[in-house]
Amino acid sequence: MIDDIHKRALHRTRILEGQLRGLGRMIEDEEYCMDIITQSRAIQRSLESLNRLILENHLRTHVTDMFESGGDEREKAVGELLRAFDFDGK
């Protein structure tokens, strides 16, 4: 994994852990539903941010190598990307 992306992904993961613990406390404390939803949506945005980092790493490393290899490796890369975005029809 690219060093900078690795550090940023770990940081994002730690933030997510805290957000999830906070969400659990909110549910346990039966806080106002809209506040819980707001926190849940923030977690979804954080997960999307993490996904973007991981995808960037994948594109800059694995996919680049797979495309350079060509043939079956290139097709495998295309399939992975389609699945990552739910475009594979499954």
Protein backbone atom coordinates (compact mmCIF):
# COMPACT_ATOMS: atom_id res chain seq x y z
CA MET A 1 0.00 0.00 0.00
CA ILE A 2 1.23 3.51 -0.77
CA ASP A 3 2.60 4.97 2.47
CA ASP A 4 0.57 8.21 2.45
CA ILE A 5 -2.67 6.40 1.63
CA HIS A 6 -1.90 3.77 4.27
CA LYS A 7 -1.53 6.46 6.97
CA ARG A 8 -4.66 8.30 5.85
CA ALA A 9 -6.71 5.07 5.70
CA LEU A 10 -5.65 4.08 9.23
CA HIS A 11 -6.52 7.57 10.47
CA ARG A 12 -9.94 7.38 8.80
CA THR A 13 -10.49 3.94 10.36
CA ARG A 14 -9.76 5.28 13.84
CA ILE A 15 -12.21 8.11 13.29
CA LEU A 16 -14.83 5.61 12.15
CA GLU A 17 -14.27 3.49 15.27
CA GLY A 18 -14.97 6.52 17.44
CA GLN A 19 -18.01 7.47 15.40
CA LEU A 20 -19.43 3.95 15.71
CA ARG A 21 -18.87 3.88 19.47
CA GLY A 22 -20.63 7.23 19.71
CA LEU A 23 -23.52 5.96 17.62
CA GLY A 24 -23.86 2.93 19.88
CA ARG A 25 -23.99 5.18 22.96
CA MET A 26 -26.63 7.34 21.30
CA ILE A 27 -28.78 4.30 20.64
CA GLU A 28 -28.25 2.94 24.16
CA ASP A 29 -29.21 6.33 25.61
CA GLU A 30 -32.26 6.46 23.31
CA GLU A 31 -31.32 9.86 21.98
CA TYR A 32 -33.46 11.75 19.51
CA CYS A 33 -33.92 9.73 16.31
CA MET A 34 -32.88 12.54 13.98
CA ASP A 35 -29.63 13.00 15.90
CA ILE A 36 -28.93 9.27 15.54
CA ILE A 37 -29.65 9.44 11.81
CA THR A 38 -27.35 12.48 11.48
CA GLN A 39 -24.53 10.54 13.13
CA SER A 40 -25.24 7.46 11.01
CA ARG A 41 -25.07 9.55 7.83
CA ALA A 42 -21.75 11.03 8.99
CA ILE A 43 -20.43 7.49 9.38
CA GLN A 44 -21.59 6.64 5.86
CA ARG A 45 -19.71 9.65 4.51
CA SER A 46 -16.61 8.59 6.45
CA LEU A 47 -16.86 5.08 4.99
CA GLU A 48 -17.13 6.56 1.51
CA SER A 49 -14.00 8.60 2.21
CA LEU A 50 -12.19 5.43 3.29
CA ASN A 51 -13.43 3.60 0.18
CA ARG A 52 -12.07 6.39 -2.03
CA LEU A 53 -8.65 6.08 -0.39
CA ILE A 54 -8.56 2.31 -0.83
CA LEU A 55 -9.76 2.61 -4.43
CA GLU A 56 -7.12 5.22 -5.16
CA ASN A 57 -4.45 2.88 -3.81
CA HIS A 58 -5.82 -0.01 -5.86
CA LEU A 59 -5.84 2.06 -9.04
CA ARG A 60 -2.33 3.41 -8.51
CA THR A 61 -0.85 0.00 -7.69
CA HIS A 62 -2.68 -3.17 -8.65
CA VAL A 63 -4.78 -1.90 -11.54
CA THR A 64 -1.81 -0.15 -13.13
CA ASP A 65 0.18 -3.40 -13.02
CA MET A 66 -2.77 -5.44 -14.28
CA PHE A 67 -3.36 -3.12 -17.25
CA GLU A 68 0.33 -3.20 -18.13
CA SER A 69 0.22 -7.02 -18.08
CA GLY A 70 -2.69 -6.97 -20.50
CA GLY A 71 -4.81 -9.95 -21.52
CA ASP A 72 -6.59 -11.80 -18.71
CA GLU A 73 -5.06 -9.57 -16.04
CA ARG A 74 -6.47 -6.49 -17.72
CA GLU A 75 -9.91 -8.09 -17.96
CA LYS A 76 -9.70 -9.09 -14.31
CA ALA A 77 -8.98 -5.45 -13.37
CA VAL A 78 -11.97 -4.25 -15.39
CA GLY A 79 -14.21 -6.83 -13.69
CA GLU A 80 -13.01 -5.80 -10.24
CA LEU A 81 -13.74 -2.16 -10.94
CA LEU A 82 -17.19 -2.96 -12.27
CA ARG A 83 -17.94 -4.98 -9.12
CA ALA A 84 -16.58 -2.19 -6.90
CA PHE A 85 -19.19 0.15 -8.35
CA ASP A 86 -21.96 -2.47 -8.59
CA PHE A 87 -21.92 -2.22 -12.39
CA ASP A 88 -21.40 -5.93 -12.97
CA GLY A 89 -25.11 -6.71 -13.15
CA LYS A 90 -25.13 -8.96 -10.07
